Amino acid sequence: FIVADGMGWHKNGEIASGVAARVVAKNIVTKVYSRLLSIHNEPNDESIQETIENSINEAQKSVVRYAAGGGTTFTCVLILGEQVTIGHVGDSRVYLVRSGKLVQLTLDHSYVEEQVRMGMMTHEEADKSPMKHILTRALWPDAEVEVDIYEHEIARDDVLIACTDGLNKMVTDEQILATVLEMK
């Protein structure tokens, strides 16, 4: 699953998100699934984490080449059996709903969230800050991408939610959880 949220204040954000999604999807299908099907079963193959990280780095290069100044946040979720691997850059999020609880699995790469993590700002101050939309990481020109990789075990009744900041900025975590529990 991929969430690539083209940045609206950059021209060509839609192109950037589309290019990034296509590059990563193609790389993952080619490298991971062909390996699982034993098409390319070489002993020095990349790990799943390396494949995701390298694919997102390749997407960064394509965004620079084709998006003419556009940028995008990028989050991908790969589920293989009971293992979920997440590649993440930006302020889109992945949540896990398990046993009636909502847990955020990714960290936002934004100025205010980094200030909150360092204890320099409260969540309430961050919500009101005029700098709340400033990203510290994304796929965009003139940036080296640093990809966060997360791994988690998942269970049969778990629910994963991958969303843009358009969801989590409009509704609370409690509202997201209530909606998911209502649908189960």
C-alpha atoms as a PDB file:
ATOM      1  CA  PHE A   1       0.000   0.000   0.000  1.00  0.00           C
ATOM      2  CA  ILE A   2       1.276   3.475  -0.847  1.00  0.00           C
ATOM      3  CA  VAL A   3       0.308   6.954   0.280  1.00  0.00           C
ATOM      4  CA  ALA A   4       2.068   9.668  -1.704  1.00  0.00           C
ATOM      5  CA  ASP A   5       0.681  13.104  -0.910  1.00  0.00           C
ATOM      6  CA  GLY A   6       1.775  15.678  -3.464  1.00  0.00           C
ATOM      7  CA  MET A   7       2.603  18.903  -1.731  1.00  0.00           C
ATOM      8  CA  GLY A   8       0.034  21.492  -2.741  1.00  0.00           C
ATOM      9  CA  TRP A   9       2.240  24.485  -2.267  1.00  0.00           C
ATOM     10  CA  HIS A  10       4.771  23.060  -4.717  1.00  0.00           C
ATOM     11  CA  LYS A  11       3.950  23.080  -8.391  1.00  0.00           C
ATOM     12  CA  ASN A  12       3.623  19.614  -9.854  1.00  0.00           C
ATOM     13  CA  GLY A  13       2.958  17.888  -6.527  1.00  0.00           C
ATOM     14  CA  GLU A  14       0.521  15.579  -8.274  1.00  0.00           C
ATOM     15  CA  ILE A  15       3.219  14.554 -10.744  1.00  0.00           C
ATOM     16  CA  ALA A  16       5.717  14.020  -7.928  1.00  0.00           C
ATOM     17  CA  SER A  17       3.356  11.746  -6.000  1.00  0.00           C
ATOM     18  CA  GLY A  18       2.453   9.720  -9.095  1.00  0.00           C
ATOM     19  CA  VAL A  19       6.063   9.280 -10.181  1.00  0.00           C
ATOM     20  CA  ALA A  20       7.158   8.247  -6.680  1.00  0.00           C
ATOM     21  CA  ALA A  21       4.329   5.741  -6.289  1.00  0.00           C
ATOM     22  CA  ARG A  22       5.008   4.120  -9.678  1.00  0.00           C
ATOM     23  CA  VAL A  23       8.769   3.817  -9.074  1.00  0.00           C
ATOM     24  CA  VAL A  24       8.408   2.244  -5.634  1.00  0.00           C
ATOM     25  CA  ALA A  25       5.569  -0.072  -6.642  1.00  0.00           C
ATOM     26  CA  LYS A  26       7.522  -1.327  -9.666  1.00  0.00           C
ATOM     27  CA  ASN A  27      10.696  -1.884  -7.621  1.00  0.00           C
ATOM     28  CA  ILE A  28       8.888  -3.712  -4.846  1.00  0.00           C
ATOM     29  CA  VAL A  29       6.961  -5.935  -7.226  1.00  0.00           C
ATOM     30  CA  THR A  30      10.080  -6.668  -9.257  1.00  0.00           C
ATOM     31  CA  LYS A  31      12.480  -7.274  -6.378  1.00  0.00           C
ATOM     32  CA  VAL A  32      10.386  -8.577  -3.500  1.00  0.00           C
ATOM     33  CA  TYR A  33       7.711 -10.604  -5.207  1.00  0.00           C
ATOM     34  CA  SER A  34      10.003 -12.092  -7.827  1.00  0.00           C
ATOM     35  CA  ARG A  35      12.286 -13.185  -4.984  1.00  0.00           C
ATOM     36  CA  LEU A  36       9.321 -14.712  -3.151  1.00  0.00           C
ATOM     37  CA  LEU A  37       8.423 -16.592  -6.311  1.00  0.00           C
ATOM     38  CA  SER A  38      12.079 -17.723  -6.598  1.00  0.00           C
ATOM     39  CA  ILE A  39      12.566 -16.006  -9.962  1.00  0.00           C
ATOM     40  CA  HIS A  40      15.699 -14.186  -8.796  1.00  0.00           C
ATOM     41  CA  ASN A  41      16.874 -16.102  -5.763  1.00  0.00           C
ATOM     42  CA  GLU A  42      20.428 -14.841  -5.554  1.00  0.00           C
ATOM     43  CA  PRO A  43      22.300 -15.223  -2.246  1.00  0.00           C
ATOM     44  CA  ASN A  44      23.211 -11.500  -2.034  1.00  0.00           C
ATOM     45  CA  ASP A  45      19.687 -10.161  -2.532  1.00  0.00           C
ATOM     46  CA  GLU A  46      18.699  -7.041  -0.606  1.00  0.00           C
ATOM     47  CA  SER A  47      16.643  -7.409   2.550  1.00  0.00           C
ATOM     48  CA  ILE A  48      13.037  -6.212   2.455  1.00  0.00           C
ATOM     49  CA  GLN A  49      14.092  -3.109   4.411  1.00  0.00           C
ATOM     50  CA  GLU A  50      16.913  -2.337   1.973  1.00  0.00           C
ATOM     51  CA  THR A  51      14.607  -2.852  -0.997  1.00  0.00           C
ATOM     52  CA  ILE A  52      12.070  -0.385   0.396  1.00  0.00           C
ATOM     53  CA  GLU A  53      14.716   2.175   1.335  1.00  0.00           C
ATOM     54  CA  ASN A  54      16.508   1.881  -2.018  1.00  0.00           C
ATOM     55  CA  SER A  55      13.181   2.092  -3.873  1.00  0.00           C
ATOM     56  CA  ILE A  56      12.250   5.318  -2.088  1.00  0.00           C
ATOM     57  CA  ASN A  57      15.706   6.747  -2.830  1.00  0.00           C
ATOM     58  CA  GLU A  58      15.161   5.837  -6.494  1.00  0.00           C
ATOM     59  CA  ALA A  59      11.773   7.559  -6.334  1.00  0.00           C
ATOM     60  CA  GLN A  60      13.491  10.691  -5.002  1.00  0.00           C
ATOM     61  CA  LYS A  61      15.718  10.767  -8.090  1.00  0.00           C
ATOM     62  CA  SER A  62      12.697  10.349 -10.354  1.00  0.00           C
ATOM     63  CA  VAL A  63      10.815  13.141  -8.571  1.00  0.00           C
ATOM     64  CA  VAL A  64      13.759  15.473  -9.177  1.00  0.00           C
ATOM     65  CA  ARG A  65      13.976  14.388 -12.823  1.00  0.00           C
ATOM     66  CA  TYR A  66      10.288  14.467 -13.786  1.00  0.00           C
ATOM     67  CA  ALA A  67       8.283  16.605 -11.361  1.00  0.00           C
ATOM     68  CA  ALA A  68       9.779  20.014 -12.255  1.00  0.00           C
ATOM     69  CA  GLY A  69       9.937  21.356  -8.713  1.00  0.00           C
ATOM     70  CA  GLY A  70       7.116  19.269  -7.250  1.00  0.00           C
ATOM     71  CA  GLY A  71       7.392  17.333  -4.029  1.00  0.00           C
ATOM     72  CA  THR A  72       5.562  14.629  -2.131  1.00  0.00           C
ATOM     73  CA  THR A  73       5.417  12.900   1.205  1.00  0.00           C
ATOM     74  CA  PHE A  74       5.733   9.142   0.867  1.00  0.00           C
ATOM     75  CA  THR A  75       4.715   6.174   2.966  1.00  0.00           C
ATOM     76  CA  CYS A  76       4.549   2.561   1.840  1.00  0.00           C
ATOM     77  CA  VAL A  77       3.330  -0.483   3.722  1.00  0.00           C
ATOM     78  CA  LEU A  78       4.391  -3.981   2.700  1.00  0.00           C
ATOM     79  CA  ILE A  79       2.671  -6.918   4.373  1.00  0.00           C
ATOM     80  CA  LEU A  80       4.277 -10.336   4.062  1.00  0.00           C
ATOM     81  CA  GLY A  81       2.604 -12.940   6.228  1.00  0.00           C
ATOM     82  CA  GLU A  82       2.506 -11.626   9.791  1.00  0.00           C
ATOM     83  CA  GLN A  83       5.217  -9.019   9.180  1.00  0.00           C
ATOM     84  CA  VAL A  84       4.559  -5.430   8.116  1.00  0.00           C
ATOM     85  CA  THR A  85       7.417  -3.247   6.875  1.00  0.00           C
ATOM     86  CA  ILE A  86       6.884   0.488   6.483  1.00  0.00           C
ATOM     87  CA  GLY A  87       9.008   2.976   4.542  1.00  0.00           C
ATOM     88  CA  HIS A  88       8.230   6.541   5.574  1.00  0.00           C
ATOM     89  CA  VAL A  89       9.169  10.119   4.649  1.00  0.00           C
ATOM     90  CA  GLY A  90       6.989  13.110   5.570  1.00  0.00           C
ATOM     91  CA  ASP A  91       3.825  13.643   7.588  1.00  0.00           C
ATOM     92  CA  SER A  92       1.493  10.978   6.250  1.00  0.00           C
ATOM     93  CA  ARG A  93       0.897   8.333   8.887  1.00  0.00           C
ATOM     94  CA  VAL A  94       0.375   4.642   9.494  1.00  0.00           C
ATOM     95  CA  TYR A  95      -1.795   3.617  12.426  1.00  0.00           C
ATOM     96  CA  LEU A  96      -2.437   0.173  13.913  1.00  0.00           C
ATOM     97  CA  VAL A  97      -5.745  -0.683  15.543  1.00  0.00           C
ATOM     98  CA  ARG A  98      -5.383  -3.663  17.872  1.00  0.00           C
ATOM     99  CA  SER A  99      -7.557  -4.756  20.781  1.00  0.00           C
ATOM    100  CA  GLY A 100      -9.587  -1.557  20.692  1.00  0.00           C
ATOM    101  CA  LYS A 101      -6.558   0.752  20.764  1.00  0.00           C
ATOM    102  CA  LEU A 102      -5.068   3.046  18.107  1.00  0.00           C
ATOM    103  CA  VAL A 103      -1.281   3.267  17.906  1.00  0.00           C
ATOM    104  CA  GLN A 104       0.611   5.585  15.542  1.00  0.00           C
ATOM    105  CA  LEU A 105       3.408   3.519  13.974  1.00  0.00           C
ATOM    106  CA  THR A 106       5.227   6.335  12.134  1.00  0.00           C
ATOM    107  CA  LEU A 107       6.695   9.646  13.272  1.00  0.00           C
ATOM    108  CA  ASP A 108       5.809  12.862  11.460  1.00  0.00           C
ATOM    109  CA  HIS A 109       8.701  14.635   9.781  1.00  0.00           C
ATOM    110  CA  SER A 110       7.525  18.169  10.462  1.00  0.00           C
ATOM    111  CA  TYR A 111       9.062  21.107  12.266  1.00  0.00           C
ATOM    112  CA  VAL A 112       6.437  21.239  15.022  1.00  0.00           C
ATOM    113  CA  GLU A 113       6.417  17.477  15.657  1.00  0.00           C
ATOM    114  CA  GLU A 114      10.189  17.516  16.034  1.00  0.00           C
ATOM    115  CA  GLN A 115       9.833  20.418  18.480  1.00  0.00           C
ATOM    116  CA  VAL A 116       7.271  18.367  20.454  1.00  0.00           C
ATOM    117  CA  ARG A 117       9.582  15.323  20.544  1.00  0.00           C
ATOM    118  CA  MET A 118      12.414  17.509  21.882  1.00  0.00           C
ATOM    119  CA  GLY A 119      10.137  18.929  24.590  1.00  0.00           C
ATOM    120  CA  MET A 120      10.310  22.459  23.166  1.00  0.00           C
ATOM    121  CA  MET A 121       6.604  22.654  22.289  1.00  0.00           C
ATOM    122  CA  THR A 122       3.410  20.990  23.506  1.00  0.00           C
ATOM    123  CA  HIS A 123       0.945  19.239  21.178  1.00  0.00           C
ATOM    124  CA  GLU A 124      -1.497  22.086  21.813  1.00  0.00           C
ATOM    125  CA  GLU A 125       1.119  24.674  20.817  1.00  0.00           C
ATOM    126  CA  ALA A 126       2.021  22.622  17.739  1.00  0.00           C
ATOM    127  CA  ASP A 127      -1.644  22.521  16.627  1.00  0.00           C
ATOM    128  CA  LYS A 128      -1.802  26.332  16.745  1.00  0.00           C
ATOM    129  CA  SER A 129       1.648  27.042  15.340  1.00  0.00           C
ATOM    130  CA  PRO A 130       1.892  28.923  12.034  1.00  0.00           C
ATOM    131  CA  MET A 131       4.774  26.536  11.241  1.00  0.00           C
ATOM    132  CA  LYS A 132       2.707  23.341  11.549  1.00  0.00           C
ATOM    133  CA  HIS A 133       2.807  22.700   7.798  1.00  0.00           C
ATOM    134  CA  ILE A 134       6.595  22.911   7.463  1.00  0.00           C
ATOM    135  CA  LEU A 135       8.056  19.518   6.595  1.00  0.00           C
ATOM    136  CA  THR A 136      11.565  18.500   7.538  1.00  0.00           C
ATOM    137  CA  ARG A 137      11.594  15.517   5.173  1.00  0.00           C
ATOM    138  CA  ALA A 138       9.899  14.756   1.873  1.00  0.00           C
ATOM    139  CA  LEU A 139      10.740  13.718  -1.669  1.00  0.00           C
ATOM    140  CA  TRP A 140      11.557  17.025  -3.318  1.00  0.00           C
ATOM    141  CA  PRO A 141      14.313  18.761  -5.271  1.00  0.00           C
ATOM    142  CA  ASP A 142      17.502  19.715  -3.458  1.00  0.00           C
ATOM    143  CA  ALA A 143      16.954  17.238  -0.642  1.00  0.00           C
ATOM    144  CA  GLU A 144      18.690  14.035   0.302  1.00  0.00           C
ATOM    145  CA  VAL A 145      16.028  11.685   1.467  1.00  0.00           C
ATOM    146  CA  GLU A 146      16.334   9.952   4.826  1.00  0.00           C
ATOM    147  CA  VAL A 147      13.858   7.080   5.002  1.00  0.00           C
ATOM    148  CA  ASP A 148      12.486   5.716   8.266  1.00  0.00           C
ATOM    149  CA  ILE A 149      11.949   1.957   8.158  1.00  0.00           C
ATOM    150  CA  TYR A 150       9.611   0.351  10.690  1.00  0.00           C
ATOM    151  CA  GLU A 151       8.830  -3.321  11.207  1.00  0.00           C
ATOM    152  CA  HIS A 152       5.942  -4.747  13.203  1.00  0.00           C
ATOM    153  CA  GLU A 153       4.268  -8.067  13.757  1.00  0.00           C
ATOM    154  CA  ILE A 154       0.591  -8.027  12.874  1.00  0.00           C
ATOM    155  CA  ALA A 155      -2.237 -10.304  13.917  1.00  0.00           C
ATOM    156  CA  ARG A 156      -5.308 -11.495  12.061  1.00  0.00           C
ATOM    157  CA  ASP A 157      -7.750  -8.940  13.523  1.00  0.00           C
ATOM    158  CA  ASP A 158      -5.389  -5.958  13.318  1.00  0.00           C
ATOM    159  CA  VAL A 159      -6.349  -3.004  11.150  1.00  0.00           C
ATOM    160  CA  LEU A 160      -3.702  -0.839   9.483  1.00  0.00           C
ATOM    161  CA  ILE A 161      -4.559   2.687   8.364  1.00  0.00           C
ATOM    162  CA  ALA A 162      -2.271   4.567   5.979  1.00  0.00           C
ATOM    163  CA  CYS A 163      -3.403   8.165   5.568  1.00  0.00           C
ATOM    164  CA  THR A 164      -2.308  11.633   4.570  1.00  0.00           C
ATOM    165  CA  ASP A 165      -2.214  14.554   6.948  1.00  0.00           C
ATOM    166  CA  GLY A 166      -5.551  15.477   5.376  1.00  0.00           C
ATOM    167  CA  LEU A 167      -7.160  12.897   7.663  1.00  0.00           C
ATOM    168  CA  ASN A 168      -5.191  13.282  10.863  1.00  0.00           C
ATOM    169  CA  LYS A 169      -5.311  17.095  10.764  1.00  0.00           C
ATOM    170  CA  MET A 170      -9.118  17.088  10.332  1.00  0.00           C
ATOM    171  CA  VAL A 171     -10.168  14.440  12.848  1.00  0.00           C
ATOM    172  CA  THR A 172      -8.760  13.294  16.168  1.00  0.00           C
ATOM    173  CA  ASP A 173      -7.166   9.941  16.859  1.00  0.00           C
ATOM    174  CA  GLU A 174     -10.216   9.150  19.002  1.00  0.00           C
ATOM    175  CA  GLN A 175     -12.515   9.793  16.022  1.00  0.00           C
ATOM    176  CA  ILE A 176     -10.370   7.602  13.770  1.00  0.00           C
ATOM    177  CA  LEU A 177     -10.483   4.772  16.323  1.00  0.00           C
ATOM    178  CA  ALA A 178     -14.252   5.109  16.852  1.00  0.00           C
ATOM    179  CA  THR A 179     -14.856   4.932  13.094  1.00  0.00           C
ATOM    180  CA  VAL A 180     -12.691   1.817  12.676  1.00  0.00           C
ATOM    181  CA  LEU A 181     -14.330   0.066  15.647  1.00  0.00           C
ATOM    182  CA  GLU A 182     -17.781   0.937  14.279  1.00  0.00           C
ATOM    183  CA  MET A 183     -16.874  -0.676  10.941  1.00  0.00           C
ATOM    184  CA  LYS A 184     -15.569  -3.931  12.460  1.00  0.00           C
END
